[in-house]
């Protein structure tokens, strides 16, 4: 157990001796702008999907489900009345 504590102390000493580096402001600004642009693009893509779903996909699925229900209803009614 003493060995692990000693190794851990050595590792912590090496980490403590590391120099800190800072990102140049120009690079930070460029990276921030890229992240901002990606987040805006994702928001636009999500909004477009939501609009498409509300306008086309949702009603199409609802219509297909209603049509399938109507066909099955007619099939059962026809079978009940002997057609």
N, C-alpha and C. Protein backbone atom coordinates (compact mmCIF):
# COMPACT_ATOMS: atom_id res chain seq x y z
N UNK A 1 0.82 -1.18 0.00
CA UNK A 1 0.00 0.00 0.00
C UNK A 1 0.87 1.25 0.00
N UNK A 2 1.99 1.16 0.61
CA UNK A 2 2.91 2.29 0.66
C UNK A 2 3.40 2.63 -0.74
N UNK A 3 3.59 1.60 -1.55
CA UNK A 3 4.08 1.79 -2.91
C UNK A 3 3.09 2.58 -3.75
N UNK A 4 1.80 2.30 -3.62
CA UNK A 4 0.80 3.02 -4.41
C UNK A 4 0.73 4.48 -4.00
N UNK A 5 0.82 4.76 -2.72
CA UNK A 5 0.82 6.14 -2.27
C UNK A 5 2.03 6.90 -2.81
N UNK A 6 3.17 6.22 -2.80
CA UNK A 6 4.39 6.83 -3.32
C UNK A 6 4.27 7.10 -4.82
N UNK A 7 3.72 6.13 -5.57
CA UNK A 7 3.52 6.31 -7.01
C UNK A 7 2.53 7.44 -7.27
N UNK A 8 1.47 7.48 -6.47
CA UNK A 8 0.46 8.52 -6.64
C UNK A 8 1.07 9.90 -6.38
N UNK A 9 1.92 10.00 -5.38
CA UNK A 9 2.60 11.26 -5.08
C UNK A 9 3.51 11.69 -6.22
N UNK A 10 4.19 10.72 -6.83
CA UNK A 10 5.07 11.04 -7.96
C UNK A 10 4.25 11.55 -9.14
N UNK A 11 3.13 10.89 -9.40
CA UNK A 11 2.27 11.31 -10.51
C UNK A 11 1.73 12.71 -10.24
N UNK A 12 1.26 12.95 -9.04
CA UNK A 12 0.75 14.28 -8.72
C UNK A 12 1.84 15.34 -8.82
N UNK A 13 3.05 14.99 -8.44
CA UNK A 13 4.16 15.95 -8.55
C UNK A 13 4.44 16.25 -10.02
N UNK A 14 4.38 15.22 -10.89
CA UNK A 14 4.61 15.45 -12.32
C UNK A 14 3.50 16.32 -12.90
N UNK A 15 2.27 16.06 -12.50
CA UNK A 15 1.15 16.86 -13.00
C UNK A 15 1.29 18.31 -12.53
N UNK A 16 1.67 18.49 -11.29
CA UNK A 16 1.83 19.84 -10.75
C UNK A 16 2.95 20.60 -11.46
N UNK A 17 3.93 19.88 -11.99
CA UNK A 17 5.05 20.55 -12.65
C UNK A 17 4.76 20.90 -14.11
N UNK A 18 3.63 20.45 -14.64
CA UNK A 18 3.31 20.75 -16.03
C UNK A 18 3.07 22.25 -16.20
N UNK A 19 3.50 22.76 -17.33
CA UNK A 19 3.28 24.18 -17.64
C UNK A 19 1.87 24.34 -18.19
N UNK A 20 1.29 25.47 -17.93
CA UNK A 20 -0.04 25.74 -18.49
C UNK A 20 0.13 26.46 -19.82
N UNK A 21 -0.74 26.14 -20.73
CA UNK A 21 -0.75 26.79 -22.04
C UNK A 21 -2.12 27.37 -22.27
N UNK A 22 -2.17 28.52 -22.84
CA UNK A 22 -3.45 29.15 -23.12
C UNK A 22 -3.64 29.20 -24.63
N UNK A 23 -4.87 29.13 -25.04
CA UNK A 23 -5.21 29.17 -26.46
C UNK A 23 -5.16 30.62 -26.91
N UNK A 24 -4.56 30.89 -28.08
CA UNK A 24 -4.56 32.27 -28.58
C UNK A 24 -6.00 32.78 -28.77
N UNK A 25 -6.20 34.05 -28.55
CA UNK A 25 -7.54 34.64 -28.63
C UNK A 25 -8.17 34.43 -30.01
N UNK A 26 -7.36 34.56 -31.06
CA UNK A 26 -7.88 34.37 -32.42
C UNK A 26 -8.41 32.96 -32.59
N UNK A 27 -7.68 31.99 -32.09
CA UNK A 27 -8.11 30.59 -32.19
C UNK A 27 -9.37 30.36 -31.36
N UNK A 28 -9.42 30.93 -30.17
CA UNK A 28 -10.60 30.79 -29.31
C UNK A 28 -11.83 31.40 -29.98
N UNK A 29 -11.65 32.57 -30.59
CA UNK A 29 -12.78 33.22 -31.28
C UNK A 29 -13.26 32.38 -32.46
N UNK A 30 -12.32 31.84 -33.22
CA UNK A 30 -12.69 31.01 -34.38
C UNK A 30 -13.44 29.77 -33.93
N UNK A 31 -12.94 29.12 -32.88
CA UNK A 31 -13.59 27.92 -32.36
C UNK A 31 -14.98 28.25 -31.82
N UNK A 32 -15.10 29.36 -31.10
CA UNK A 32 -16.40 29.78 -30.57
C UNK A 32 -17.38 30.04 -31.71
N UNK A 33 -16.91 30.70 -32.78
CA UNK A 33 -17.79 30.97 -33.93
C UNK A 33 -18.22 29.69 -34.63
N UNK A 34 -17.32 28.72 -34.75
CA UNK A 34 -17.67 27.44 -35.36
C UNK A 34 -18.72 26.71 -34.53
N UNK A 35 -18.54 26.71 -33.22
CA UNK A 35 -19.51 26.05 -32.34
C UNK A 35 -20.87 26.74 -32.42
N UNK A 36 -20.84 28.05 -32.42
CA UNK A 36 -22.08 28.83 -32.51
C UNK A 36 -22.80 28.53 -33.83
N UNK A 37 -22.07 28.48 -34.92
CA UNK A 37 -22.66 28.18 -36.23
C UNK A 37 -23.26 26.78 -36.25
N UNK A 38 -22.58 25.82 -35.66
CA UNK A 38 -23.10 24.44 -35.62
C UNK A 38 -24.38 24.36 -34.80
N UNK A 39 -24.40 25.04 -33.68
CA UNK A 39 -25.61 25.03 -32.84
C UNK A 39 -26.79 25.68 -33.57
N UNK A 40 -26.52 26.76 -34.29
CA UNK A 40 -27.59 27.40 -35.05
C UNK A 40 -28.08 26.49 -36.17
N UNK A 41 -27.16 25.79 -36.84
CA UNK A 41 -27.54 24.88 -37.92
C UNK A 41 -28.39 23.75 -37.38
N UNK A 42 -28.02 23.22 -36.22
CA UNK A 42 -28.82 22.14 -35.62
C UNK A 42 -30.21 22.63 -35.27
N UNK A 43 -30.30 23.85 -34.76
CA UNK A 43 -31.59 24.42 -34.41
C UNK A 43 -32.45 24.58 -35.66
N UNK A 44 -31.83 25.05 -36.75
CA UNK A 44 -32.58 25.22 -38.00
C UNK A 44 -33.03 23.87 -38.54
N UNK A 45 -32.14 22.86 -38.51
CA UNK A 45 -32.52 21.53 -39.00
C UNK A 45 -33.66 20.96 -38.17
N UNK A 46 -33.60 21.14 -36.86
CA UNK A 46 -34.65 20.63 -35.98
C UNK A 46 -35.96 21.35 -36.26
N UNK A 47 -35.91 22.66 -36.47
CA UNK A 47 -37.12 23.43 -36.76
C UNK A 47 -37.72 22.99 -38.09
N UNK A 48 -36.87 22.71 -39.08
CA UNK A 48 -37.37 22.26 -40.38
C UNK A 48 -38.03 20.89 -40.25
N UNK A 49 -37.43 20.00 -39.47
CA UNK A 49 -38.03 18.68 -39.27
C UNK A 49 -39.37 18.80 -38.56
N UNK A 50 -39.42 19.63 -37.52
CA UNK A 50 -40.68 19.82 -36.78
C UNK A 50 -41.76 20.36 -37.71
N UNK A 51 -41.41 21.34 -38.55
CA UNK A 51 -42.38 21.91 -39.47
C UNK A 51 -42.85 20.85 -40.47
N UNK A 52 -41.92 20.07 -41.02
CA UNK A 52 -42.29 19.04 -41.99
C UNK A 52 -43.18 17.99 -41.33
N UNK A 53 -42.87 17.64 -40.09
CA UNK A 53 -43.68 16.65 -39.41
C UNK A 53 -45.09 17.17 -39.19
N UNK A 54 -45.20 18.41 -38.71
CA UNK A 54 -46.53 18.96 -38.45
C UNK A 54 -47.34 19.16 -39.72
N UNK A 55 -46.67 19.52 -40.81
CA UNK A 55 -47.40 19.83 -42.04
C UNK A 55 -47.67 18.61 -42.90
N UNK A 56 -46.73 17.66 -42.96
CA UNK A 56 -46.87 16.57 -43.92
C UNK A 56 -46.89 15.19 -43.29
N UNK A 57 -45.88 14.89 -42.51
CA UNK A 57 -45.71 13.53 -42.02
C UNK A 57 -46.82 13.15 -41.04
N UNK A 58 -47.10 14.01 -40.08
CA UNK A 58 -48.15 13.74 -39.09
C UNK A 58 -49.51 13.52 -39.73
N UNK A 59 -49.97 14.46 -40.56
CA UNK A 59 -51.26 14.25 -41.22
C UNK A 59 -51.28 13.02 -42.14
N UNK A 60 -50.17 12.75 -42.82
CA UNK A 60 -50.12 11.56 -43.69
C UNK A 60 -50.25 10.29 -42.87
N UNK A 61 -49.55 10.22 -41.74
CA UNK A 61 -49.67 9.05 -40.88
C UNK A 61 -51.08 8.92 -40.31
N UNK A 62 -51.65 10.04 -39.90
CA UNK A 62 -53.02 10.02 -39.39
C UNK A 62 -54.01 9.57 -40.46
N UNK A 63 -53.84 10.06 -41.67
CA UNK A 63 -54.72 9.65 -42.77
C UNK A 63 -54.58 8.18 -43.10
N UNK A 64 -53.34 7.69 -43.12
CA UNK A 64 -53.11 6.27 -43.41
C UNK A 64 -53.72 5.40 -42.32
N UNK A 65 -53.56 5.82 -41.07
CA UNK A 65 -54.14 5.05 -39.96
C UNK A 65 -55.67 5.04 -40.07
N UNK A 66 -56.26 6.18 -40.39
CA UNK A 66 -57.72 6.26 -40.54
C UNK A 66 -58.21 5.40 -41.69
N UNK A 67 -57.48 5.42 -42.80
CA UNK A 67 -57.85 4.60 -43.95
C UNK A 67 -57.78 3.12 -43.62
N UNK A 68 -56.72 2.71 -42.94
CA UNK A 68 -56.59 1.30 -42.55
C UNK A 68 -57.73 0.91 -41.61
N UNK A 69 -58.09 1.79 -40.68
CA UNK A 69 -59.19 1.51 -39.75
C UNK A 69 -60.51 1.38 -40.52
N UNK A 70 -60.74 2.28 -41.47
CA UNK A 70 -61.97 2.25 -42.26
C UNK A 70 -62.06 0.97 -43.08
N UNK A 71 -60.96 0.57 -43.70
CA UNK A 71 -60.95 -0.66 -44.51
C UNK A 71 -61.27 -1.87 -43.64
N UNK A 72 -60.64 -1.95 -42.47
CA UNK A 72 -60.91 -3.07 -41.57
C UNK A 72 -62.35 -3.05 -41.08
N UNK A 73 -62.89 -1.86 -40.80
CA UNK A 73 -64.27 -1.74 -40.37
C UNK A 73 -65.21 -2.25 -41.45
N UNK A 74 -64.95 -1.87 -42.69
CA UNK A 74 -65.78 -2.32 -43.81
C UNK A 74 -65.64 -3.83 -44.03
N UNK A 75 -64.41 -4.35 -43.88
CA UNK A 75 -64.21 -5.80 -44.03
C UNK A 75 -64.99 -6.58 -42.98
N UNK A 76 -64.95 -6.12 -41.74
CA UNK A 76 -65.69 -6.81 -40.68
C UNK A 76 -67.19 -6.67 -40.87
N UNK A 77 -67.63 -5.51 -41.30
CA UNK A 77 -69.07 -5.33 -41.55
C UNK A 77 -69.51 -6.22 -42.70
N UNK A 78 -68.72 -6.31 -43.75
CA UNK A 78 -69.05 -7.18 -44.88
C UNK A 78 -69.10 -8.64 -44.45
N UNK A 79 -68.14 -9.04 -43.61
CA UNK A 79 -68.13 -10.43 -43.13
C UNK A 79 -69.33 -10.70 -42.23
N UNK A 80 -69.74 -9.74 -41.44
CA UNK A 80 -70.87 -9.90 -40.53
C UNK A 80 -72.18 -10.03 -41.31
N UNK A 81 -72.29 -9.32 -42.44
CA UNK A 81 -73.50 -9.36 -43.23
C UNK A 81 -73.42 -10.37 -44.37
N UNK A 82 -72.36 -11.13 -44.45
CA UNK A 82 -72.24 -12.21 -45.42
C UNK A 82 -71.83 -11.76 -46.82
N UNK A 83 -71.18 -10.70 -46.98
CA UNK A 83 -70.73 -10.26 -48.31
C UNK A 83 -69.38 -10.79 -48.63
